[in-house]
Amino acid sequence: MQDKPVTLAAVTGAHGVAGEVRLKLLGEGFEALKPHKSFNEGALTVSKLRSDNKGGAIARFAEVADRTAAEKLRGTVLTVSRDALPELEEGEFYYSDLLGLPVMTDKGEAIGRVCAVENFGATEIIEIEQPDGKKFMVPLTKQAVPVWDDRSLTVNYDFVE
């Protein structure tokens, strides 16, 4: 996991006509994004960044000259290397650490992969995609997910749909 980049934001579209973009923030919010001046291994360099006061941000990148170029960035995720981030405390993790992990039940049955991690307020929720394409969600609690590490995630069989 140590060499896997961490996603902090995603471009949702152009903002205005001068090449700025709207960002959906995926980490700890605007304050966590502010210290970073370069994203995607140096491909995008921030020249201006401000909060949109709605939970997102507006950014201008040195490499983006106009609205047309900004629109082409729609859907682009902004990543930084893990060593550019603060050390994690015990029990903390990045959502990107879970994405793509193979999932098995506590009975040893392989059931799919983690395809998304959400937090709607109470706790993190992991979305699991099964081999047939069907998806289901499980709360990231000790009862539902007794064990996970950088190789796999184990779900209590009672929580499997």
N, C-alpha and C. Protein backbone atom coordinates (compact mmCIF):
# COMPACT_ATOMS: atom_id res chain seq x y z
N MET A 1 0.81 -1.19 0.00
CA MET A 1 0.00 0.00 0.00
C MET A 1 0.85 1.25 0.00
N GLN A 2 2.05 1.18 0.49
CA GLN A 2 2.86 2.38 0.66
C GLN A 2 3.17 3.11 -0.64
N ASP A 3 3.20 2.43 -1.78
CA ASP A 3 3.48 3.10 -3.04
C ASP A 3 2.22 3.47 -3.81
N LYS A 4 1.06 3.11 -3.29
CA LYS A 4 -0.20 3.40 -3.95
C LYS A 4 -0.58 4.86 -3.69
N PRO A 5 -0.81 5.68 -4.76
CA PRO A 5 -1.18 7.08 -4.53
C PRO A 5 -2.53 7.18 -3.83
N VAL A 6 -2.74 8.29 -3.14
CA VAL A 6 -3.98 8.53 -2.40
C VAL A 6 -4.76 9.63 -3.13
N THR A 7 -6.04 9.36 -3.39
CA THR A 7 -6.90 10.32 -4.08
C THR A 7 -7.48 11.30 -3.07
N LEU A 8 -7.30 12.61 -3.35
CA LEU A 8 -7.80 13.64 -2.46
C LEU A 8 -9.01 14.39 -3.02
N ALA A 9 -9.16 14.39 -4.35
CA ALA A 9 -10.26 15.14 -4.97
C ALA A 9 -10.51 14.61 -6.37
N ALA A 10 -11.64 15.05 -6.95
CA ALA A 10 -11.97 14.71 -8.33
C ALA A 10 -12.51 15.96 -9.01
N VAL A 11 -12.16 16.15 -10.26
CA VAL A 11 -12.65 17.28 -11.04
C VAL A 11 -14.07 16.96 -11.50
N THR A 12 -15.01 17.86 -11.15
CA THR A 12 -16.41 17.65 -11.54
C THR A 12 -16.80 18.46 -12.77
N GLY A 13 -15.96 19.41 -13.17
CA GLY A 13 -16.27 20.19 -14.36
C GLY A 13 -15.55 21.53 -14.35
N ALA A 14 -15.77 22.30 -15.42
CA ALA A 14 -15.18 23.62 -15.55
C ALA A 14 -15.93 24.62 -14.68
N HIS A 15 -15.24 25.68 -14.29
CA HIS A 15 -15.84 26.77 -13.52
C HIS A 15 -15.45 28.07 -14.19
N GLY A 16 -16.41 28.75 -14.79
CA GLY A 16 -16.11 29.99 -15.48
C GLY A 16 -15.48 29.74 -16.84
N VAL A 17 -14.89 30.81 -17.42
CA VAL A 17 -14.33 30.72 -18.77
C VAL A 17 -12.81 30.75 -18.82
N ALA A 18 -12.18 30.95 -17.65
CA ALA A 18 -10.73 31.15 -17.63
C ALA A 18 -9.91 29.89 -17.37
N GLY A 19 -10.56 28.72 -17.28
CA GLY A 19 -9.81 27.49 -17.09
C GLY A 19 -9.82 26.93 -15.69
N GLU A 20 -10.62 27.51 -14.80
CA GLU A 20 -10.72 26.95 -13.46
C GLU A 20 -11.62 25.70 -13.49
N VAL A 21 -11.45 24.84 -12.46
CA VAL A 21 -12.26 23.63 -12.36
C VAL A 21 -12.90 23.54 -10.98
N ARG A 22 -14.05 22.87 -10.93
CA ARG A 22 -14.71 22.56 -9.66
C ARG A 22 -14.18 21.22 -9.17
N LEU A 23 -13.97 21.12 -7.87
CA LEU A 23 -13.45 19.88 -7.28
C LEU A 23 -14.40 19.32 -6.24
N LYS A 24 -14.59 18.01 -6.29
CA LYS A 24 -15.26 17.28 -5.22
C LYS A 24 -14.14 16.80 -4.30
N LEU A 25 -14.21 17.16 -3.04
CA LEU A 25 -13.16 16.80 -2.09
C LEU A 25 -13.46 15.45 -1.47
N LEU A 26 -12.47 14.58 -1.45
CA LEU A 26 -12.68 13.21 -0.99
C LEU A 26 -11.97 12.91 0.33
N GLY A 27 -11.11 13.78 0.76
CA GLY A 27 -10.37 13.52 1.99
C GLY A 27 -10.97 14.24 3.17
N GLU A 28 -10.13 14.89 3.91
CA GLU A 28 -10.54 15.61 5.10
C GLU A 28 -11.01 17.03 4.77
N GLY A 29 -11.35 17.30 3.53
CA GLY A 29 -11.87 18.61 3.15
C GLY A 29 -10.82 19.54 2.61
N PHE A 30 -11.22 20.80 2.50
CA PHE A 30 -10.38 21.82 1.87
C PHE A 30 -9.03 21.99 2.56
N GLU A 31 -9.03 22.01 3.88
CA GLU A 31 -7.78 22.22 4.61
C GLU A 31 -6.75 21.12 4.33
N ALA A 32 -7.20 19.92 4.09
CA ALA A 32 -6.28 18.81 3.78
C ALA A 32 -5.74 18.93 2.36
N LEU A 33 -6.48 19.57 1.48
CA LEU A 33 -6.05 19.72 0.08
C LEU A 33 -5.07 20.88 -0.07
N LYS A 34 -5.23 21.93 0.72
CA LYS A 34 -4.45 23.16 0.59
C LYS A 34 -2.93 22.99 0.56
N PRO A 35 -2.35 22.15 1.37
CA PRO A 35 -0.88 22.06 1.38
C PRO A 35 -0.26 21.50 0.09
N HIS A 36 -1.04 20.86 -0.74
CA HIS A 36 -0.51 20.18 -1.92
C HIS A 36 -0.53 21.10 -3.14
N LYS A 37 0.60 21.23 -3.78
CA LYS A 37 0.73 22.11 -4.94
C LYS A 37 0.83 21.33 -6.24
N SER A 38 1.05 20.04 -6.14
CA SER A 38 1.23 19.20 -7.33
C SER A 38 0.45 17.91 -7.17
N PHE A 39 -0.20 17.48 -8.26
CA PHE A 39 -1.01 16.26 -8.22
C PHE A 39 -0.66 15.36 -9.39
N ASN A 40 -1.03 14.10 -9.28
CA ASN A 40 -0.87 13.11 -10.35
C ASN A 40 0.56 13.06 -10.86
N GLU A 41 1.47 12.87 -9.91
CA GLU A 41 2.91 12.75 -10.19
C GLU A 41 3.46 13.94 -10.96
N GLY A 42 2.98 15.14 -10.62
CA GLY A 42 3.48 16.37 -11.23
C GLY A 42 2.77 16.79 -12.50
N ALA A 43 1.76 16.05 -12.95
CA ALA A 43 1.06 16.38 -14.18
C ALA A 43 0.20 17.64 -14.04
N LEU A 44 -0.27 17.93 -12.83
CA LEU A 44 -1.10 19.11 -12.59
C LEU A 44 -0.52 19.91 -11.43
N THR A 45 -0.27 21.20 -11.68
CA THR A 45 0.31 22.09 -10.69
C THR A 45 -0.70 23.18 -10.34
N VAL A 46 -1.03 23.28 -9.08
CA VAL A 46 -2.01 24.27 -8.62
C VAL A 46 -1.39 25.66 -8.66
N SER A 47 -2.08 26.58 -9.33
CA SER A 47 -1.65 27.98 -9.28
C SER A 47 -2.61 28.82 -8.43
N LYS A 48 -3.81 28.31 -8.21
CA LYS A 48 -4.80 29.01 -7.38
C LYS A 48 -5.79 27.97 -6.84
N LEU A 49 -6.13 28.08 -5.56
CA LEU A 49 -7.06 27.15 -4.94
C LEU A 49 -7.87 27.90 -3.89
N ARG A 50 -9.20 27.71 -3.94
CA ARG A 50 -10.06 28.34 -2.94
C ARG A 50 -11.25 27.42 -2.65
N SER A 51 -11.80 27.58 -1.48
CA SER A 51 -13.00 26.84 -1.10
C SER A 51 -14.18 27.39 -1.88
N ASP A 52 -15.13 26.53 -2.22
CA ASP A 52 -16.36 27.02 -2.85
C ASP A 52 -17.44 27.31 -1.80
N ASN A 53 -17.08 27.13 -0.52
CA ASN A 53 -17.99 27.35 0.61
C ASN A 53 -19.22 26.45 0.58
N LYS A 54 -19.13 25.34 -0.15
CA LYS A 54 -20.21 24.35 -0.23
C LYS A 54 -19.68 22.94 0.00
N GLY A 55 -18.47 22.83 0.53
CA GLY A 55 -17.86 21.52 0.76
C GLY A 55 -16.94 21.08 -0.36
N GLY A 56 -16.77 21.89 -1.37
CA GLY A 56 -15.88 21.58 -2.49
C GLY A 56 -14.82 22.65 -2.63
N ALA A 57 -14.21 22.73 -3.80
CA ALA A 57 -13.17 23.72 -4.04
C ALA A 57 -13.16 24.12 -5.51
N ILE A 58 -12.53 25.25 -5.77
CA ILE A 58 -12.29 25.74 -7.12
C ILE A 58 -10.78 25.82 -7.28
N ALA A 59 -10.27 25.27 -8.38
CA ALA A 59 -8.81 25.26 -8.60
C ALA A 59 -8.47 25.75 -10.00
N ARG A 60 -7.30 26.34 -10.10
CA ARG A 60 -6.72 26.67 -11.39
C ARG A 60 -5.37 25.95 -11.44
N PHE A 61 -5.14 25.27 -12.55
CA PHE A 61 -3.88 24.56 -12.74
C PHE A 61 -3.05 25.27 -13.80
N ALA A 62 -1.76 25.34 -13.60
CA ALA A 62 -0.86 26.01 -14.53
C ALA A 62 -0.96 25.40 -15.94
N GLU A 63 -1.27 24.13 -16.02
CA GLU A 63 -1.31 23.43 -17.31
C GLU A 63 -2.63 23.61 -18.06
N VAL A 64 -3.60 24.29 -17.47
CA VAL A 64 -4.93 24.44 -18.06
C VAL A 64 -5.15 25.91 -18.44
N ALA A 65 -5.26 26.18 -19.75
CA ALA A 65 -5.31 27.56 -20.24
C ALA A 65 -6.71 28.13 -20.40
N ASP A 66 -7.72 27.27 -20.63
CA ASP A 66 -9.05 27.81 -20.92
C ASP A 66 -10.14 26.82 -20.51
N ARG A 67 -11.38 27.23 -20.72
CA ARG A 67 -12.52 26.41 -20.32
C ARG A 67 -12.52 25.06 -21.06
N THR A 68 -12.16 25.05 -22.32
CA THR A 68 -12.15 23.81 -23.10
C THR A 68 -11.20 22.79 -22.46
N ALA A 69 -10.02 23.24 -22.09
CA ALA A 69 -9.04 22.35 -21.44
C ALA A 69 -9.56 21.92 -20.06
N ALA A 70 -10.23 22.85 -19.36
CA ALA A 70 -10.78 22.52 -18.03
C ALA A 70 -11.86 21.44 -18.16
N GLU A 71 -12.72 21.55 -19.15
CA GLU A 71 -13.79 20.56 -19.36
C GLU A 71 -13.22 19.17 -19.63
N LYS A 72 -12.08 19.12 -20.31
CA LYS A 72 -11.45 17.83 -20.61
C LYS A 72 -10.97 17.12 -19.35
N LEU A 73 -10.82 17.86 -18.25
CA LEU A 73 -10.37 17.26 -16.98
C LEU A 73 -11.51 16.64 -16.19
N ARG A 74 -12.76 16.85 -16.63
CA ARG A 74 -13.91 16.30 -15.89
C ARG A 74 -13.69 14.81 -15.66
N GLY A 75 -13.86 14.39 -14.40
CA GLY A 75 -13.67 12.99 -14.04
C GLY A 75 -12.26 12.63 -13.62
N THR A 76 -11.32 13.55 -13.79
CA THR A 76 -9.93 13.30 -13.39
C THR A 76 -9.82 13.31 -11.88
N VAL A 77 -9.18 12.30 -11.32
CA VAL A 77 -8.94 12.29 -9.88
C VAL A 77 -7.59 12.94 -9.61
N LEU A 78 -7.48 13.61 -8.48
CA LEU A 78 -6.23 14.26 -8.08
C LEU A 78 -5.60 13.42 -6.98
N THR A 79 -4.43 12.90 -7.28
CA THR A 79 -3.74 12.02 -6.34
C THR A 79 -2.41 12.62 -5.89
N VAL A 80 -1.98 12.19 -4.72
CA VAL A 80 -0.66 12.54 -4.21
C VAL A 80 -0.01 11.26 -3.70
N SER A 81 1.30 11.27 -3.63
CA SER A 81 1.98 10.09 -3.09
C SER A 81 1.71 10.01 -1.59
N ARG A 82 1.70 8.82 -1.09
CA ARG A 82 1.41 8.59 0.32
C ARG A 82 2.41 9.31 1.23
N ASP A 83 3.66 9.41 0.81
CA ASP A 83 4.64 10.08 1.67
C ASP A 83 4.45 11.59 1.73
N ALA A 84 3.56 12.15 0.92
CA ALA A 84 3.24 13.58 0.99
C ALA A 84 2.15 13.86 2.02
N LEU A 85 1.66 12.82 2.66
CA LEU A 85 0.57 12.95 3.63
C LEU A 85 1.08 12.72 5.05
N PRO A 86 0.33 13.23 6.03
CA PRO A 86 0.74 13.00 7.43
C PRO A 86 0.67 11.52 7.79
N GLU A 87 1.44 11.14 8.80
CA GLU A 87 1.40 9.77 9.31
C GLU A 87 0.00 9.48 9.85
N LEU A 88 -0.46 8.27 9.62
CA LEU A 88 -1.76 7.86 10.14
C LEU A 88 -1.64 7.42 11.59
N GLU A 89 -2.68 7.72 12.36
CA GLU A 89 -2.75 7.27 13.75
C GLU A 89 -3.23 5.82 13.76
N GLU A 90 -3.10 5.16 14.89
CA GLU A 90 -3.58 3.80 15.05
C GLU A 90 -5.07 3.73 14.71
N GLY A 91 -5.45 2.78 13.87
CA GLY A 91 -6.85 2.60 13.48
C GLY A 91 -7.30 3.47 12.32
N GLU A 92 -6.48 4.40 11.85
CA GLU A 92 -6.84 5.24 10.71
C GLU A 92 -6.40 4.57 9.41
N PHE A 93 -7.05 4.93 8.32
CA PHE A 93 -6.71 4.39 7.01
C PHE A 93 -7.22 5.35 5.94
N TYR A 94 -6.73 5.18 4.74
CA TYR A 94 -7.23 5.92 3.60
C TYR A 94 -8.22 5.03 2.86
N TYR A 95 -9.29 5.61 2.38
CA TYR A 95 -10.28 4.84 1.64
C TYR A 95 -9.62 4.09 0.48
N SER A 96 -8.64 4.72 -0.14
CA SER A 96 -7.97 4.08 -1.28
C SER A 96 -7.27 2.78 -0.88
N ASP A 97 -6.98 2.61 0.42
CA ASP A 97 -6.37 1.36 0.89
C ASP A 97 -7.33 0.18 0.73
N LEU A 98 -8.63 0.46 0.78
CA LEU A 98 -9.62 -0.60 0.70
C LEU A 98 -10.05 -0.92 -0.73
N LEU A 99 -10.00 0.09 -1.61
CA LEU A 99 -10.49 -0.10 -2.97
C LEU A 99 -9.73 -1.20 -3.70
N GLY A 100 -10.47 -2.11 -4.29
CA GLY A 100 -9.87 -3.20 -5.05
C GLY A 100 -9.51 -4.42 -4.23
N LEU A 101 -9.62 -4.34 -2.91
CA LEU A 101 -9.28 -5.51 -2.08
C LEU A 101 -10.23 -6.67 -2.36
N PRO A 102 -9.69 -7.88 -2.48
CA PRO A 102 -10.57 -9.05 -2.59
C PRO A 102 -11.31 -9.24 -1.26
N VAL A 103 -12.57 -9.68 -1.36
CA VAL A 103 -13.41 -9.86 -0.18
C VAL A 103 -13.79 -11.33 -0.06
N MET A 104 -13.71 -11.82 1.17
CA MET A 104 -14.13 -13.19 1.44
C MET A 104 -14.99 -13.19 2.69
N THR A 105 -15.75 -14.26 2.86
CA THR A 105 -16.56 -14.38 4.08
C THR A 105 -15.70 -14.96 5.18
N ASP A 106 -16.21 -14.90 6.39
CA ASP A 106 -15.48 -15.50 7.51
C ASP A 106 -15.50 -17.03 7.44
N LYS A 107 -16.23 -17.57 6.45
CA LYS A 107 -16.23 -19.01 6.20
C LYS A 107 -15.27 -19.39 5.08
N GLY A 108 -14.51 -18.39 4.56
CA GLY A 108 -13.50 -18.64 3.54
C GLY A 108 -13.97 -18.57 2.11
N GLU A 109 -15.20 -18.16 1.86
CA GLU A 109 -15.76 -18.09 0.51
C GLU A 109 -15.43 -16.73 -0.13
N ALA A 110 -14.80 -16.75 -1.32
CA ALA A 110 -14.52 -15.50 -2.05
C ALA A 110 -15.83 -14.95 -2.59
N ILE A 111 -16.07 -13.64 -2.35
CA ILE A 111 -17.36 -13.08 -2.77
C ILE A 111 -17.24 -11.84 -3.65
N GLY A 112 -16.05 -11.32 -3.88
CA GLY A 112 -15.92 -10.16 -4.76
C GLY A 112 -14.78 -9.24 -4.38
N ARG A 113 -14.95 -7.95 -4.75
CA ARG A 113 -13.93 -6.93 -4.49
C ARG A 113 -14.59 -5.67 -3.95
N VAL A 114 -13.86 -4.91 -3.15
CA VAL A 114 -14.34 -3.61 -2.68
C VAL A 114 -14.30 -2.65 -3.86
N CYS A 115 -15.45 -2.06 -4.19
CA CYS A 115 -15.50 -1.14 -5.34
C CYS A 115 -15.74 0.31 -4.92
N ALA A 116 -16.16 0.53 -3.66
CA ALA A 116 -16.37 1.91 -3.19
C ALA A 116 -16.39 1.93 -1.67
N VAL A 117 -16.07 3.10 -1.13
CA VAL A 117 -16.16 3.33 0.30
C VAL A 117 -16.89 4.66 0.47
N GLU A 118 -17.91 4.67 1.30
CA GLU A 118 -18.72 5.87 1.52
C GLU A 118 -18.83 6.12 3.02
N ASN A 119 -19.18 7.35 3.37
CA ASN A 119 -19.50 7.66 4.75
C ASN A 119 -20.66 8.63 4.72
N PHE A 120 -21.81 8.17 5.19
CA PHE A 120 -23.02 8.98 5.21
C PHE A 120 -23.29 9.58 6.58
N GLY A 121 -22.29 9.51 7.45
CA GLY A 121 -22.41 10.15 8.75
C GLY A 121 -22.17 9.25 9.95
N ALA A 122 -22.68 8.04 9.92
CA ALA A 122 -22.56 7.17 11.10
C ALA A 122 -21.25 6.39 11.11
N THR A 123 -20.92 5.77 9.99
CA THR A 123 -19.68 5.00 9.88
C THR A 123 -19.37 4.81 8.40
N GLU A 124 -18.20 4.31 8.11
CA GLU A 124 -17.87 4.00 6.73
C GLU A 124 -18.68 2.81 6.26
N ILE A 125 -19.05 2.84 5.00
CA ILE A 125 -19.79 1.75 4.36
C ILE A 125 -18.95 1.30 3.17
N ILE A 126 -18.72 -0.01 3.08
CA ILE A 126 -17.99 -0.51 1.91
C ILE A 126 -18.99 -1.13 0.94
N GLU A 127 -18.74 -0.88 -0.33
CA GLU A 127 -19.57 -1.49 -1.37
C GLU A 127 -18.76 -2.60 -2.01
N ILE A 128 -19.36 -3.75 -2.12
CA ILE A 128 -18.68 -4.93 -2.64
C ILE A 128 -19.34 -5.33 -3.96
N GLU A 129 -18.51 -5.50 -4.98
CA GLU A 129 -19.01 -5.97 -6.27
C GLU A 129 -18.71 -7.45 -6.39
N GLN A 130 -19.75 -8.22 -6.61
CA GLN A 130 -19.61 -9.66 -6.76
C GLN A 130 -19.20 -9.99 -8.20
N PRO A 131 -18.70 -11.20 -8.45
CA PRO A 131 -18.27 -11.57 -9.81
C PRO A 131 -19.36 -11.42 -10.87
N ASP A 132 -20.63 -11.55 -10.48
CA ASP A 132 -21.73 -11.41 -11.45
C ASP A 132 -22.12 -9.95 -11.69
N GLY A 133 -21.40 -9.01 -11.05
CA GLY A 133 -21.67 -7.59 -11.24
C GLY A 133 -22.62 -7.00 -10.21
N LYS A 134 -23.31 -7.84 -9.45
CA LYS A 134 -24.21 -7.32 -8.41
C LYS A 134 -23.38 -6.73 -7.28
N LYS A 135 -23.94 -5.70 -6.65
CA LYS A 135 -23.24 -5.01 -5.57
C LYS A 135 -24.09 -5.01 -4.32
N PHE A 136 -23.42 -4.99 -3.18
CA PHE A 136 -24.11 -4.81 -1.91
C PHE A 136 -23.19 -4.05 -0.97
N MET A 137 -23.80 -3.46 0.06
CA MET A 137 -23.04 -2.63 1.01
C MET A 137 -23.02 -3.27 2.39
N VAL A 138 -21.91 -3.01 3.09
CA VAL A 138 -21.70 -3.54 4.43
C VAL A 138 -21.08 -2.44 5.28
N PRO A 139 -21.56 -2.25 6.51
CA PRO A 139 -20.92 -1.25 7.38
C PRO A 139 -19.52 -1.71 7.77
N LEU A 140 -18.60 -0.78 7.85
CA LEU A 140 -17.24 -1.12 8.24
C LEU A 140 -17.15 -1.08 9.78
N THR A 141 -17.78 -2.10 10.37
CA THR A 141 -17.77 -2.26 11.83
C THR A 141 -17.11 -3.59 12.16
N LYS A 142 -16.68 -3.76 13.39
CA LYS A 142 -16.05 -5.01 13.81
C LYS A 142 -16.99 -6.19 13.64
N GLN A 143 -18.29 -5.97 13.85
CA GLN A 143 -19.26 -7.05 13.73
C GLN A 143 -19.40 -7.51 12.27
N ALA A 144 -19.44 -6.56 11.34
CA ALA A 144 -19.63 -6.90 9.93
C ALA A 144 -18.33 -7.25 9.23
N VAL A 145 -17.25 -6.55 9.58
CA VAL A 145 -15.94 -6.77 8.96
C VAL A 145 -14.94 -7.03 10.07
N PRO A 146 -14.84 -8.28 10.50
CA PRO A 146 -13.97 -8.58 11.64
C PRO A 146 -12.48 -8.40 11.36
N VAL A 147 -12.07 -8.55 10.08
CA VAL A 147 -10.64 -8.49 9.76
C VAL A 147 -10.44 -7.89 8.37
N TRP A 148 -9.44 -7.02 8.25
CA TRP A 148 -8.97 -6.61 6.94
C TRP A 148 -7.54 -6.12 7.07
N ASP A 149 -6.79 -6.29 6.00
CA ASP A 149 -5.42 -5.81 5.94
C ASP A 149 -5.14 -5.37 4.51
N ASP A 150 -3.88 -5.23 4.14
CA ASP A 150 -3.56 -4.73 2.80
C ASP A 150 -3.70 -5.79 1.71
N ARG A 151 -4.10 -7.03 2.09
CA ARG A 151 -4.25 -8.09 1.10
C ARG A 151 -5.70 -8.51 0.86
N SER A 152 -6.56 -8.41 1.89
CA SER A 152 -7.95 -8.84 1.73
C SER A 152 -8.81 -8.28 2.86
N LEU A 153 -10.11 -8.44 2.66
CA LEU A 153 -11.10 -7.98 3.64
C LEU A 153 -12.05 -9.14 3.90
N THR A 154 -12.34 -9.40 5.17
CA THR A 154 -13.21 -10.51 5.55
C THR A 154 -14.54 -9.95 6.08
N VAL A 155 -15.64 -10.45 5.51
CA VAL A 155 -16.98 -10.02 5.92
C VAL A 155 -17.68 -11.16 6.64
N ASN A 156 -18.34 -10.84 7.73
CA ASN A 156 -19.15 -11.80 8.45
C ASN A 156 -20.23 -12.33 7.50
N TYR A 157 -20.37 -13.62 7.41
CA TYR A 157 -21.31 -14.26 6.47
C TYR A 157 -22.74 -13.74 6.62
N ASP A 158 -23.14 -13.36 7.84
CA ASP A 158 -24.50 -12.87 8.10
C ASP A 158 -24.79 -11.55 7.36
N PHE A 159 -23.75 -10.84 6.93
CA PHE A 159 -23.94 -9.56 6.25
C PHE A 159 -23.91 -9.68 4.73
N VAL A 160 -23.70 -10.87 4.21
CA VAL A 160 -23.60 -11.08 2.77
C VAL A 160 -25.00 -11.26 2.20
N GLU A 161 -25.28 -10.54 1.12
CA GLU A 161 -26.60 -10.67 0.46
C GLU A 161 -26.63 -11.82 -0.48
